[in-house]
């Protein structure tokens, strides 16, 4: 009976040791998945961060740059066209020669043209000053040579205007167009390109 009493505590100790070993094994196995699970959520982000520079470089080098080069090659700079042989012939001018739009304007004034307004029995009069615009080198000389004729044509045109004609909307444009027509007819060609009405007073 004494031996049975001694064997019982030894068996209890062995069972306790086995229980402790099992608990420690469970603790170790439980902690391992926690360590591995902390890295997995970050893997997609790491892959994206590492691959984005490579994708950006490839897109720029193989897609965007060739497209830009093709676009630049299709549009020919104006400076290069101007430098090409025969560019002067295409533009229809010599080096340094200005086109019609670029030629300097020449102006000549016809001032203080006084006429009676039609239909007022001489009680109202119209005073007008205009500036003629041309681009030819001899424009001023032509106007000065024919100034008296042009003044006569202008006063004849203006004296036919009534008060109602002068007060209509767009009356200045009508007068400008009529004067340009009679002036160019008298000068024998379209020498007058524009007319500025600098004064138009009814008294």
N, C-alpha and C. Protein backbone atom coordinates (compact mmCIF):
# COMPACT_ATOMS: atom_id res chain seq x y z
N UNK A 1 0.82 -1.20 0.00
CA UNK A 1 0.00 0.00 0.00
C UNK A 1 0.85 1.24 0.00
N UNK A 2 2.00 1.12 0.60
CA UNK A 2 2.91 2.27 0.61
C UNK A 2 3.40 2.57 -0.78
N UNK A 3 3.67 1.51 -1.57
CA UNK A 3 4.17 1.74 -2.95
C UNK A 3 3.09 2.38 -3.78
N UNK A 4 1.87 2.03 -3.61
CA UNK A 4 0.78 2.66 -4.38
C UNK A 4 0.64 4.13 -4.03
N UNK A 5 0.88 4.44 -2.81
CA UNK A 5 0.79 5.84 -2.37
C UNK A 5 1.90 6.65 -2.97
N UNK A 6 3.10 6.07 -3.14
CA UNK A 6 4.23 6.79 -3.73
C UNK A 6 4.06 6.96 -5.23
N UNK A 7 3.46 5.96 -5.93
CA UNK A 7 3.31 6.02 -7.38
C UNK A 7 2.30 7.06 -7.80
N UNK A 8 1.35 7.32 -6.98
CA UNK A 8 0.28 8.25 -7.37
C UNK A 8 0.78 9.67 -7.55
N UNK A 9 1.58 10.23 -6.64
CA UNK A 9 2.08 11.60 -6.87
C UNK A 9 2.95 11.67 -8.09
N UNK A 10 3.80 10.60 -8.34
CA UNK A 10 4.67 10.64 -9.53
C UNK A 10 3.83 10.73 -10.79
N UNK A 11 2.79 9.94 -10.87
CA UNK A 11 1.90 9.99 -12.04
C UNK A 11 1.25 11.34 -12.21
N UNK A 12 0.91 11.97 -11.09
CA UNK A 12 0.28 13.30 -11.16
C UNK A 12 1.25 14.33 -11.71
N UNK A 13 2.57 14.18 -11.29
CA UNK A 13 3.56 15.12 -11.79
C UNK A 13 3.76 14.98 -13.29
N UNK A 14 3.76 13.73 -13.76
CA UNK A 14 3.95 13.50 -15.19
C UNK A 14 2.78 14.08 -16.00
N UNK A 15 1.59 13.93 -15.46
CA UNK A 15 0.44 14.49 -16.16
C UNK A 15 0.50 16.02 -16.20
N UNK A 16 0.97 16.61 -15.10
CA UNK A 16 1.09 18.08 -15.05
C UNK A 16 2.08 18.58 -16.07
N UNK A 17 3.24 17.82 -16.17
CA UNK A 17 4.27 18.22 -17.16
C UNK A 17 3.72 18.12 -18.58
N UNK A 18 2.98 17.08 -18.84
CA UNK A 18 2.41 16.91 -20.19
C UNK A 18 1.44 18.04 -20.50
N UNK A 19 0.67 18.46 -19.50
CA UNK A 19 -0.28 19.55 -19.71
C UNK A 19 0.44 20.86 -20.00
N UNK A 20 1.55 21.08 -19.26
CA UNK A 20 2.33 22.31 -19.48
C UNK A 20 2.93 22.32 -20.87
N UNK A 21 3.49 21.15 -21.29
CA UNK A 21 4.09 21.07 -22.63
C UNK A 21 3.04 21.34 -23.72
N UNK A 22 1.84 20.82 -23.50
CA UNK A 22 0.77 21.05 -24.47
C UNK A 22 0.36 22.51 -24.55
N UNK A 23 0.32 23.17 -23.39
CA UNK A 23 -0.06 24.59 -23.37
C UNK A 23 0.96 25.45 -24.07
N UNK A 24 2.26 25.14 -23.83
CA UNK A 24 3.32 25.93 -24.46
C UNK A 24 3.32 25.72 -25.97
N UNK A 25 3.03 24.49 -26.40
CA UNK A 25 2.97 24.21 -27.85
C UNK A 25 1.83 24.97 -28.50
N UNK A 26 0.69 25.01 -27.81
CA UNK A 26 -0.45 25.75 -28.34
C UNK A 26 -0.15 27.24 -28.42
N UNK A 27 0.55 27.75 -27.40
CA UNK A 27 0.89 29.17 -27.40
C UNK A 27 1.80 29.51 -28.57
N UNK A 28 2.80 28.59 -28.80
CA UNK A 28 3.73 28.84 -29.91
C UNK A 28 3.00 28.77 -31.25
N UNK A 29 2.16 27.78 -31.42
CA UNK A 29 1.44 27.63 -32.69
C UNK A 29 0.45 28.77 -32.90
N UNK A 30 -0.09 29.35 -31.83
CA UNK A 30 -1.03 30.46 -31.95
C UNK A 30 -0.34 31.76 -32.31
N UNK A 31 0.89 31.93 -31.84
CA UNK A 31 1.60 33.18 -32.13
C UNK A 31 2.17 33.20 -33.53
N UNK A 32 2.45 32.06 -34.14
CA UNK A 32 3.06 32.01 -35.47
C UNK A 32 2.14 32.58 -36.54
N UNK A 33 0.85 32.21 -36.58
CA UNK A 33 -0.01 32.80 -37.60
C UNK A 33 -0.16 34.29 -37.46
N UNK A 34 -0.12 34.81 -36.23
CA UNK A 34 -0.25 36.26 -36.05
C UNK A 34 0.89 36.99 -36.70
N UNK A 35 2.12 36.40 -36.58
CA UNK A 35 3.30 37.05 -37.18
C UNK A 35 3.21 37.02 -38.69
N UNK A 36 2.82 35.87 -39.27
CA UNK A 36 2.71 35.78 -40.72
C UNK A 36 1.58 36.62 -41.28
N UNK A 37 0.47 36.77 -40.59
CA UNK A 37 -0.68 37.52 -41.06
C UNK A 37 -0.43 39.01 -41.12
N UNK A 38 0.54 39.56 -40.42
CA UNK A 38 0.82 40.99 -40.44
C UNK A 38 1.48 41.46 -41.73
N UNK A 39 2.14 40.59 -42.49
CA UNK A 39 2.85 40.97 -43.73
C UNK A 39 1.93 40.88 -44.94
N UNK A 40 1.05 39.91 -44.95
CA UNK A 40 0.23 39.66 -46.13
C UNK A 40 -0.61 40.86 -46.56
N UNK A 41 -1.24 41.63 -45.69
CA UNK A 41 -2.04 42.77 -46.16
C UNK A 41 -1.21 43.84 -46.88
N UNK A 42 0.08 43.90 -46.60
CA UNK A 42 0.94 44.94 -47.19
C UNK A 42 1.49 44.52 -48.55
N UNK A 43 1.39 43.25 -48.91
CA UNK A 43 2.00 42.79 -50.16
C UNK A 43 1.45 43.50 -51.41
N UNK A 44 0.12 43.66 -51.58
CA UNK A 44 -0.36 44.37 -52.79
C UNK A 44 0.16 45.80 -52.89
N UNK A 45 0.20 46.48 -51.73
CA UNK A 45 0.69 47.85 -51.74
C UNK A 45 2.16 47.91 -52.14
N UNK A 46 2.95 46.98 -51.61
CA UNK A 46 4.37 46.95 -51.96
C UNK A 46 4.57 46.66 -53.44
N UNK A 47 3.75 45.77 -53.98
CA UNK A 47 3.86 45.45 -55.41
C UNK A 47 3.53 46.68 -56.26
N UNK A 48 2.47 47.41 -55.86
CA UNK A 48 2.08 48.61 -56.62
C UNK A 48 3.17 49.67 -56.55
N UNK A 49 3.71 49.89 -55.35
CA UNK A 49 4.74 50.92 -55.18
C UNK A 49 5.97 50.59 -56.01
N UNK A 50 6.34 49.33 -56.07
CA UNK A 50 7.55 48.93 -56.80
C UNK A 50 7.34 48.93 -58.31
N UNK A 51 6.13 48.65 -58.77
CA UNK A 51 5.91 48.54 -60.22
C UNK A 51 5.50 49.86 -60.88
N UNK A 52 4.97 50.84 -60.11
CA UNK A 52 4.51 52.09 -60.71
C UNK A 52 5.62 52.86 -61.44
N UNK A 53 6.81 53.05 -60.87
CA UNK A 53 7.86 53.77 -61.62
C UNK A 53 8.20 53.09 -62.94
N UNK A 54 8.25 51.76 -62.92
CA UNK A 54 8.58 51.05 -64.15
C UNK A 54 7.48 51.24 -65.20
N UNK A 55 6.21 51.18 -64.78
CA UNK A 55 5.11 51.40 -65.71
C UNK A 55 5.11 52.83 -66.25
N UNK A 56 5.38 53.82 -65.38
CA UNK A 56 5.41 55.21 -65.83
C UNK A 56 6.52 55.44 -66.85
N UNK A 57 7.68 54.86 -66.60
CA UNK A 57 8.80 55.00 -67.54
C UNK A 57 8.46 54.37 -68.89
N UNK A 58 7.90 53.17 -68.84
CA UNK A 58 7.56 52.48 -70.09
C UNK A 58 6.51 53.26 -70.87
N UNK A 59 5.48 53.79 -70.19
CA UNK A 59 4.44 54.55 -70.87
C UNK A 59 5.00 55.82 -71.52
N UNK A 60 5.87 56.52 -70.78
CA UNK A 60 6.45 57.74 -71.32
C UNK A 60 7.37 57.45 -72.50
N UNK A 61 8.24 56.46 -72.33
CA UNK A 61 9.28 56.20 -73.33
C UNK A 61 8.71 55.58 -74.60
N UNK A 62 7.76 54.69 -74.46
CA UNK A 62 7.30 53.92 -75.62
C UNK A 62 5.98 54.41 -76.21
N UNK A 63 5.22 55.27 -75.46
CA UNK A 63 3.92 55.70 -75.97
C UNK A 63 3.89 57.22 -76.18
N UNK A 64 4.13 57.99 -75.10
CA UNK A 64 3.96 59.43 -75.20
C UNK A 64 5.02 60.09 -76.07
N UNK A 65 6.30 59.73 -75.87
CA UNK A 65 7.37 60.37 -76.64
C UNK A 65 7.22 60.11 -78.14
N UNK A 66 6.95 58.91 -78.61
CA UNK A 66 6.75 58.72 -80.06
C UNK A 66 5.58 59.53 -80.62
N UNK A 67 4.48 59.64 -79.83
CA UNK A 67 3.34 60.43 -80.31
C UNK A 67 3.72 61.90 -80.46
N UNK A 68 4.44 62.44 -79.47
CA UNK A 68 4.87 63.84 -79.55
C UNK A 68 5.80 64.06 -80.73
N UNK A 69 6.70 63.13 -80.97
CA UNK A 69 7.62 63.28 -82.09
C UNK A 69 6.88 63.27 -83.42
N UNK A 70 5.88 62.42 -83.54
CA UNK A 70 5.11 62.39 -84.78
C UNK A 70 4.33 63.70 -84.97
N UNK A 71 3.75 64.21 -83.86
CA UNK A 71 2.98 65.46 -83.96
C UNK A 71 3.88 66.63 -84.35
N UNK A 72 5.08 66.69 -83.77
CA UNK A 72 6.00 67.78 -84.10
C UNK A 72 6.47 67.66 -85.53
N UNK A 73 6.67 66.45 -86.00
CA UNK A 73 7.12 66.24 -87.37
C UNK A 73 6.09 66.64 -88.40
N UNK A 74 4.77 66.50 -88.05
CA UNK A 74 3.71 66.84 -89.00
C UNK A 74 3.51 68.33 -89.13
N UNK A 75 3.74 69.10 -88.05
CA UNK A 75 3.56 70.55 -88.09
C UNK A 75 4.88 71.20 -88.44
N UNK A 76 4.93 71.82 -89.59
CA UNK A 76 6.17 72.43 -90.05
C UNK A 76 6.24 73.85 -89.54
N UNK A 77 7.31 74.23 -88.86
CA UNK A 77 7.41 75.60 -88.35
C UNK A 77 7.40 76.61 -89.48
N UNK A 78 6.80 77.78 -89.23
CA UNK A 78 6.74 78.82 -90.24
C UNK A 78 8.12 79.34 -90.60
N UNK A 79 9.01 79.37 -89.60
CA UNK A 79 10.37 79.85 -89.86
C UNK A 79 11.07 78.95 -90.86
N UNK A 80 10.86 77.64 -90.73
CA UNK A 80 11.49 76.70 -91.66
C UNK A 80 10.91 76.86 -93.06
N UNK A 81 9.60 77.10 -93.15
CA UNK A 81 8.99 77.31 -94.46
C UNK A 81 9.53 78.56 -95.11
N UNK A 82 9.69 79.63 -94.30
CA UNK A 82 10.21 80.88 -94.85
C UNK A 82 11.65 80.73 -95.32
N UNK A 83 12.41 79.84 -94.66
CA UNK A 83 13.81 79.65 -95.03
C UNK A 83 13.98 78.74 -96.22
N UNK A 84 12.93 78.05 -96.64
CA UNK A 84 13.05 77.13 -97.77
C UNK A 84 13.28 77.88 -99.06
N UNK A 85 14.07 77.31 -99.98
CA UNK A 85 14.21 77.93 -101.30
C UNK A 85 12.87 77.95 -102.01
N UNK A 86 12.59 79.05 -102.65
CA UNK A 86 11.31 79.17 -103.36
C UNK A 86 10.18 79.66 -102.49
N UNK A 87 10.46 79.90 -101.20
CA UNK A 87 9.39 80.40 -100.33
C UNK A 87 8.94 81.79 -100.75
N UNK A 88 9.89 82.58 -101.29
CA UNK A 88 9.54 83.92 -101.75
C UNK A 88 8.58 83.85 -102.92
N UNK A 89 8.83 82.88 -103.82
CA UNK A 89 7.95 82.74 -104.98
C UNK A 89 6.55 82.35 -104.56
N UNK A 90 6.47 81.47 -103.51
CA UNK A 90 5.15 81.05 -103.05
C UNK A 90 4.39 82.21 -102.45
N UNK A 91 5.09 83.05 -101.69
CA UNK A 91 4.41 84.17 -101.06
C UNK A 91 4.15 85.30 -102.03
N UNK A 92 4.79 85.27 -103.21
CA UNK A 92 4.54 86.27 -104.23
C UNK A 92 5.22 87.59 -103.96
N UNK A 93 6.31 87.58 -103.24
CA UNK A 93 7.03 88.82 -102.98
C UNK A 93 8.52 88.61 -102.92
N UNK A 94 9.24 89.72 -102.90
CA UNK A 94 10.69 89.67 -102.80
C UNK A 94 11.09 89.82 -101.35
N UNK A 95 12.36 89.47 -101.01
CA UNK A 95 12.79 89.64 -99.63
C UNK A 95 12.69 91.09 -99.20
N UNK A 96 12.08 91.30 -98.04
CA UNK A 96 11.97 92.65 -97.50
C UNK A 96 10.81 93.44 -98.08
N UNK A 97 10.14 92.92 -99.12
CA UNK A 97 9.03 93.65 -99.72
C UNK A 97 7.76 93.40 -98.92
N UNK A 98 7.03 94.45 -98.62
CA UNK A 98 5.80 94.33 -97.85
C UNK A 98 4.63 93.98 -98.76
N UNK A 99 3.72 93.16 -98.24
CA UNK A 99 2.50 92.85 -98.98
C UNK A 99 1.56 94.04 -98.89
N UNK A 100 0.42 93.94 -99.62
CA UNK A 100 -0.54 95.05 -99.63
C UNK A 100 -1.06 95.37 -98.25
N UNK A 101 -1.26 94.30 -97.41
CA UNK A 101 -1.80 94.53 -96.07
C UNK A 101 -0.77 95.16 -95.16
N UNK A 102 0.53 94.95 -95.48
CA UNK A 102 1.57 95.44 -94.59
C UNK A 102 2.11 96.81 -95.01
N UNK A 103 1.72 97.28 -96.20
CA UNK A 103 2.25 98.55 -96.68
C UNK A 103 1.76 99.68 -95.78
N UNK A 104 2.61 100.70 -95.65
CA UNK A 104 2.29 101.82 -94.77
C UNK A 104 1.13 102.61 -95.35
N UNK A 105 0.24 103.03 -94.48
CA UNK A 105 -0.89 103.84 -94.91
C UNK A 105 -0.45 105.28 -95.14
N UNK A 106 -1.03 105.89 -96.18
CA UNK A 106 -0.80 107.30 -96.47
C UNK A 106 -2.14 108.01 -96.34
N UNK A 107 -2.16 109.10 -95.59
CA UNK A 107 -3.42 109.81 -95.35
C UNK A 107 -3.34 111.24 -95.85
N UNK A 108 -4.45 111.72 -96.38
CA UNK A 108 -4.57 113.11 -96.84
C UNK A 108 -5.92 113.63 -96.37
N UNK A 109 -5.93 114.83 -95.80
CA UNK A 109 -7.15 115.41 -95.25
C UNK A 109 -7.82 116.38 -96.23
N UNK A 110 -9.13 116.33 -96.25
CA UNK A 110 -9.96 117.33 -96.94
C UNK A 110 -10.84 117.95 -95.86
N UNK A 111 -10.54 119.18 -95.47
CA UNK A 111 -11.15 119.75 -94.28
C UNK A 111 -12.17 120.84 -94.61
N UNK A 112 -13.12 120.98 -93.70
CA UNK A 112 -14.08 122.08 -93.67
C UNK A 112 -14.85 122.24 -94.98
N UNK A 113 -15.47 121.17 -95.42
CA UNK A 113 -16.34 121.26 -96.60
C UNK A 113 -17.73 121.66 -96.12
N UNK A 114 -18.20 122.82 -96.58
CA UNK A 114 -19.45 123.41 -96.08
C UNK A 114 -20.48 123.41 -97.20
N UNK A 115 -21.67 122.81 -96.93
CA UNK A 115 -22.74 122.76 -97.94
C UNK A 115 -24.08 123.05 -97.25
N UNK A 116 -25.04 123.52 -98.06
CA UNK A 116 -26.41 123.69 -97.57
C UNK A 116 -27.09 122.32 -97.52
N UNK A 117 -27.88 122.11 -96.52
CA UNK A 117 -28.63 120.86 -96.40
C UNK A 117 -29.84 120.94 -97.31
N UNK A 118 -30.07 119.91 -98.10
CA UNK A 118 -31.18 119.90 -99.05
C UNK A 118 -32.52 120.00 -98.33
N UNK A 119 -33.42 120.80 -98.89
CA UNK A 119 -34.77 120.92 -98.35
C UNK A 119 -34.90 121.88 -97.20
N UNK A 120 -33.88 122.67 -96.91
CA UNK A 120 -33.97 123.61 -95.78
C UNK A 120 -34.00 125.07 -96.25
N UNK A 121 -34.05 125.27 -97.57
CA UNK A 121 -34.10 126.63 -98.12
C UNK A 121 -32.90 127.46 -97.67
N UNK A 122 -31.78 126.82 -97.50
CA UNK A 122 -30.56 127.54 -97.14
C UNK A 122 -30.46 127.92 -95.68
N UNK A 123 -31.38 127.44 -94.85
CA UNK A 123 -31.34 127.82 -93.43
C UNK A 123 -30.47 126.88 -92.59
N UNK A 124 -30.17 125.71 -93.13
CA UNK A 124 -29.31 124.76 -92.39
C UNK A 124 -28.13 124.39 -93.29
N UNK A 125 -27.01 124.14 -92.68
CA UNK A 125 -25.85 123.72 -93.47
C UNK A 125 -25.09 122.60 -92.76
N UNK A 126 -24.32 121.91 -93.57
CA UNK A 126 -23.55 120.76 -93.10
C UNK A 126 -22.07 121.03 -93.30
N UNK A 127 -21.29 120.86 -92.23
CA UNK A 127 -19.85 121.02 -92.33
C UNK A 127 -19.19 119.66 -92.11
N UNK A 128 -18.32 119.28 -93.05
CA UNK A 128 -17.71 117.94 -93.02
C UNK A 128 -16.22 118.03 -93.27
N UNK A 129 -15.47 117.19 -92.54
CA UNK A 129 -14.04 117.00 -92.79
C UNK A 129 -13.77 115.51 -92.90
N UNK A 130 -12.97 115.14 -93.89
CA UNK A 130 -12.67 113.72 -94.09
C UNK A 130 -11.17 113.54 -94.27
N UNK A 131 -10.72 112.31 -94.02
CA UNK A 131 -9.33 111.93 -94.27
C UNK A 131 -9.33 110.74 -95.21
N UNK A 132 -8.63 110.87 -96.34
CA UNK A 132 -8.55 109.79 -97.32
C UNK A 132 -7.34 108.92 -97.00
N UNK A 133 -7.51 107.61 -97.15
CA UNK A 133 -6.46 106.65 -96.81
C UNK A 133 -6.11 105.84 -98.05
N UNK A 134 -4.79 105.77 -98.35
CA UNK A 134 -4.30 104.94 -99.46
C UNK A 134 -3.00 104.28 -99.08
N UNK A 135 -2.47 103.45 -99.98
CA UNK A 135 -1.22 102.73 -99.68
C UNK A 135 -0.16 102.90 -100.75
N UNK A 136 -0.48 103.56 -101.85
CA UNK A 136 0.52 103.72 -102.90
C UNK A 136 1.48 104.84 -102.55
N UNK A 137 2.67 104.77 -103.11
CA UNK A 137 3.71 105.75 -102.78
C UNK A 137 3.33 107.15 -103.26
N UNK A 138 2.62 107.22 -104.38
CA UNK A 138 2.28 108.54 -104.93
C UNK A 138 0.85 108.96 -104.56
N UNK A 139 0.28 108.34 -103.53
CA UNK A 139 -1.11 108.62 -103.17
C UNK A 139 -1.30 110.09 -102.81
N UNK A 140 -0.41 110.62 -102.01
CA UNK A 140 -0.54 112.01 -101.57
C UNK A 140 -0.46 112.97 -102.75
N UNK A 141 0.46 112.70 -103.66
CA UNK A 141 0.60 113.57 -104.84
C UNK A 141 -0.65 113.52 -105.70
N UNK A 142 -1.20 112.31 -105.87
CA UNK A 142 -2.42 112.17 -106.67
C UNK A 142 -3.57 112.97 -106.08
N UNK A 143 -3.71 112.90 -104.76
CA UNK A 143 -4.81 113.63 -104.11
C UNK A 143 -4.60 115.13 -104.23
N UNK A 144 -3.37 115.57 -104.02
CA UNK A 144 -3.09 117.01 -104.10
C UNK A 144 -3.33 117.53 -105.52
N UNK A 145 -2.98 116.75 -106.53
CA UNK A 145 -3.18 117.17 -107.92
C UNK A 145 -4.66 117.30 -108.26
N UNK A 146 -5.48 116.46 -107.66
CA UNK A 146 -6.91 116.43 -107.98
C UNK A 146 -7.76 116.95 -106.83
N UNK A 147 -7.18 117.70 -105.94
CA UNK A 147 -7.88 118.12 -104.72
C UNK A 147 -9.14 118.94 -105.03
N UNK A 148 -9.03 119.89 -105.96
CA UNK A 148 -10.19 120.73 -106.27
C UNK A 148 -11.33 119.90 -106.83
N UNK A 149 -11.00 118.96 -107.71
CA UNK A 149 -12.04 118.10 -108.27
C UNK A 149 -12.69 117.24 -107.19
N UNK A 150 -11.87 116.72 -106.29
CA UNK A 150 -12.40 115.86 -105.23
C UNK A 150 -13.28 116.66 -104.27
N UNK A 151 -12.87 117.91 -103.98
CA UNK A 151 -13.70 118.75 -103.11
C UNK A 151 -15.04 119.05 -103.77
N UNK A 152 -15.01 119.29 -105.07
CA UNK A 152 -16.26 119.57 -105.79
C UNK A 152 -17.17 118.35 -105.77
N UNK A 153 -16.61 117.17 -105.99
CA UNK A 153 -17.41 115.95 -105.97
C UNK A 153 -17.98 115.70 -104.58
N UNK A 154 -17.19 115.97 -103.54
CA UNK A 154 -17.65 115.74 -102.16
C UNK A 154 -18.78 116.68 -101.80
N UNK A 155 -18.63 117.98 -102.13
CA UNK A 155 -19.69 118.93 -101.79
C UNK A 155 -20.96 118.65 -102.58
N UNK A 156 -20.80 118.20 -103.84
CA UNK A 156 -21.98 117.85 -104.63
C UNK A 156 -22.73 116.66 -104.03
N UNK A 157 -21.97 115.68 -103.54
CA UNK A 157 -22.61 114.51 -102.92
C UNK A 157 -23.29 114.89 -101.61
N UNK A 158 -22.62 115.69 -100.80
CA UNK A 158 -23.16 116.05 -99.49
C UNK A 158 -24.35 117.01 -99.59
N UNK A 159 -24.35 117.87 -100.60
CA UNK A 159 -25.45 118.85 -100.71
C UNK A 159 -26.77 118.20 -101.08
N UNK A 160 -26.74 116.95 -101.54
CA UNK A 160 -27.99 116.26 -101.84
C UNK A 160 -28.62 115.58 -100.64
N UNK A 161 -27.99 115.69 -99.49
CA UNK A 161 -28.52 115.03 -98.28
C UNK A 161 -29.52 115.94 -97.57
N UNK A 162 -30.62 115.34 -97.15
CA UNK A 162 -31.63 116.06 -96.36
C UNK A 162 -31.38 115.81 -94.87
N UNK A 163 -32.13 116.51 -94.06
CA UNK A 163 -32.01 116.32 -92.61
C UNK A 163 -32.34 114.88 -92.23
N UNK A 164 -33.37 114.35 -92.84
CA UNK A 164 -33.75 112.96 -92.51
C UNK A 164 -32.67 111.98 -92.96
N UNK A 165 -32.01 112.26 -94.10
CA UNK A 165 -30.91 111.39 -94.55
C UNK A 165 -29.77 111.40 -93.54
N UNK A 166 -29.46 112.56 -93.03
CA UNK A 166 -28.33 112.70 -92.11
C UNK A 166 -28.62 112.15 -90.72
N UNK A 167 -29.91 112.05 -90.38
CA UNK A 167 -30.27 111.57 -89.05
C UNK A 167 -30.57 110.07 -89.02
N UNK A 168 -30.54 109.41 -90.17
CA UNK A 168 -30.80 107.97 -90.21
C UNK A 168 -29.66 107.21 -89.56
N UNK A 169 -29.95 106.06 -88.95
CA UNK A 169 -28.87 105.21 -88.44
C UNK A 169 -27.99 104.74 -89.60
N UNK A 170 -26.69 104.80 -89.41
CA UNK A 170 -25.76 104.38 -90.46
C UNK A 170 -25.54 105.43 -91.52
N UNK A 171 -25.93 106.68 -91.27
CA UNK A 171 -25.76 107.74 -92.27
C UNK A 171 -24.28 107.97 -92.58
N UNK A 172 -23.45 107.85 -91.59
CA UNK A 172 -22.00 108.07 -91.81
C UNK A 172 -21.44 107.01 -92.76
N UNK A 173 -21.89 105.78 -92.59
CA UNK A 173 -21.39 104.72 -93.48
C UNK A 173 -21.85 104.93 -94.91
N UNK A 174 -23.08 105.43 -95.08
CA UNK A 174 -23.59 105.71 -96.43
C UNK A 174 -22.76 106.81 -97.07
N UNK A 175 -22.50 107.88 -96.33
CA UNK A 175 -21.70 109.00 -96.86
C UNK A 175 -20.30 108.51 -97.21
N UNK A 176 -19.71 107.71 -96.33
CA UNK A 176 -18.36 107.19 -96.58
C UNK A 176 -18.31 106.38 -97.88
N UNK A 177 -19.28 105.51 -98.08
CA UNK A 177 -19.29 104.67 -99.27
C UNK A 177 -19.49 105.50 -100.53
N UNK A 178 -20.39 106.49 -100.49
CA UNK A 178 -20.64 107.33 -101.66
C UNK A 178 -19.41 108.16 -102.02
N UNK A 179 -18.75 108.73 -101.01
CA UNK A 179 -17.56 109.53 -101.28
C UNK A 179 -16.43 108.68 -101.86
N UNK A 180 -16.26 107.47 -101.34
CA UNK A 180 -15.21 106.60 -101.85
C UNK A 180 -15.45 106.25 -103.32
N UNK A 181 -16.71 106.03 -103.65
CA UNK A 181 -17.04 105.69 -105.05
C UNK A 181 -16.72 106.84 -105.99
N UNK A 182 -17.16 108.06 -105.65
CA UNK A 182 -16.93 109.19 -106.55
C UNK A 182 -15.45 109.56 -106.61
N UNK A 183 -14.72 109.41 -105.50
CA UNK A 183 -13.29 109.72 -105.50
C UNK A 183 -12.51 108.74 -106.38
N UNK A 184 -12.78 107.47 -106.23
CA UNK A 184 -12.04 106.47 -107.02
C UNK A 184 -12.39 106.56 -108.50
N UNK A 185 -13.63 106.91 -108.81
CA UNK A 185 -13.99 107.12 -110.22
C UNK A 185 -13.21 108.28 -110.81
N UNK A 186 -13.04 109.34 -110.02
CA UNK A 186 -12.31 110.51 -110.51
C UNK A 186 -10.82 110.23 -110.64
N UNK A 187 -10.29 109.41 -109.75
CA UNK A 187 -8.84 109.11 -109.77
C UNK A 187 -8.49 107.99 -110.74
N UNK A 188 -9.47 107.33 -111.31
CA UNK A 188 -9.22 106.31 -112.31
C UNK A 188 -8.84 104.95 -111.76
N UNK A 189 -9.13 104.68 -110.51
CA UNK A 189 -8.83 103.37 -109.93
C UNK A 189 -9.06 103.37 -108.44
N UNK A 190 -8.97 102.21 -107.83
CA UNK A 190 -9.23 102.10 -106.38
C UNK A 190 -8.04 102.57 -105.53
N UNK A 191 -7.73 103.84 -105.66
CA UNK A 191 -6.60 104.39 -104.90
C UNK A 191 -7.00 104.68 -103.45
N UNK A 192 -8.24 105.11 -103.24
CA UNK A 192 -8.72 105.41 -101.88
C UNK A 192 -9.23 104.11 -101.27
N UNK A 193 -8.52 103.62 -100.23
CA UNK A 193 -8.90 102.36 -99.58
C UNK A 193 -9.88 102.57 -98.44
N UNK A 194 -9.86 103.76 -97.85
CA UNK A 194 -10.78 104.01 -96.73
C UNK A 194 -10.95 105.51 -96.58
N UNK A 195 -12.00 105.90 -95.91
CA UNK A 195 -12.27 107.31 -95.63
C UNK A 195 -12.66 107.42 -94.16
N UNK A 196 -11.97 108.31 -93.45
CA UNK A 196 -12.32 108.60 -92.06
C UNK A 196 -13.09 109.92 -92.04
N UNK A 197 -14.30 109.90 -91.52
CA UNK A 197 -15.07 111.13 -91.36
C UNK A 197 -14.71 111.73 -90.01
N UNK A 198 -13.90 112.77 -90.03
CA UNK A 198 -13.41 113.36 -88.79
C UNK A 198 -14.33 114.44 -88.24
N UNK A 199 -15.24 114.95 -89.10
CA UNK A 199 -16.17 116.00 -88.65
C UNK A 199 -17.43 115.91 -89.47
N UNK A 200 -18.58 115.95 -88.80
CA UNK A 200 -19.88 115.92 -89.47
C UNK A 200 -20.85 116.67 -88.57
N UNK A 201 -21.05 117.96 -88.88
CA UNK A 201 -21.85 118.82 -88.01
C UNK A 201 -22.95 119.49 -88.82
N UNK A 202 -24.17 119.45 -88.25
CA UNK A 202 -25.32 120.11 -88.88
C UNK A 202 -25.65 121.35 -88.05
N UNK A 203 -25.76 122.49 -88.72
CA UNK A 203 -26.08 123.73 -88.01
C UNK A 203 -27.17 124.49 -88.73
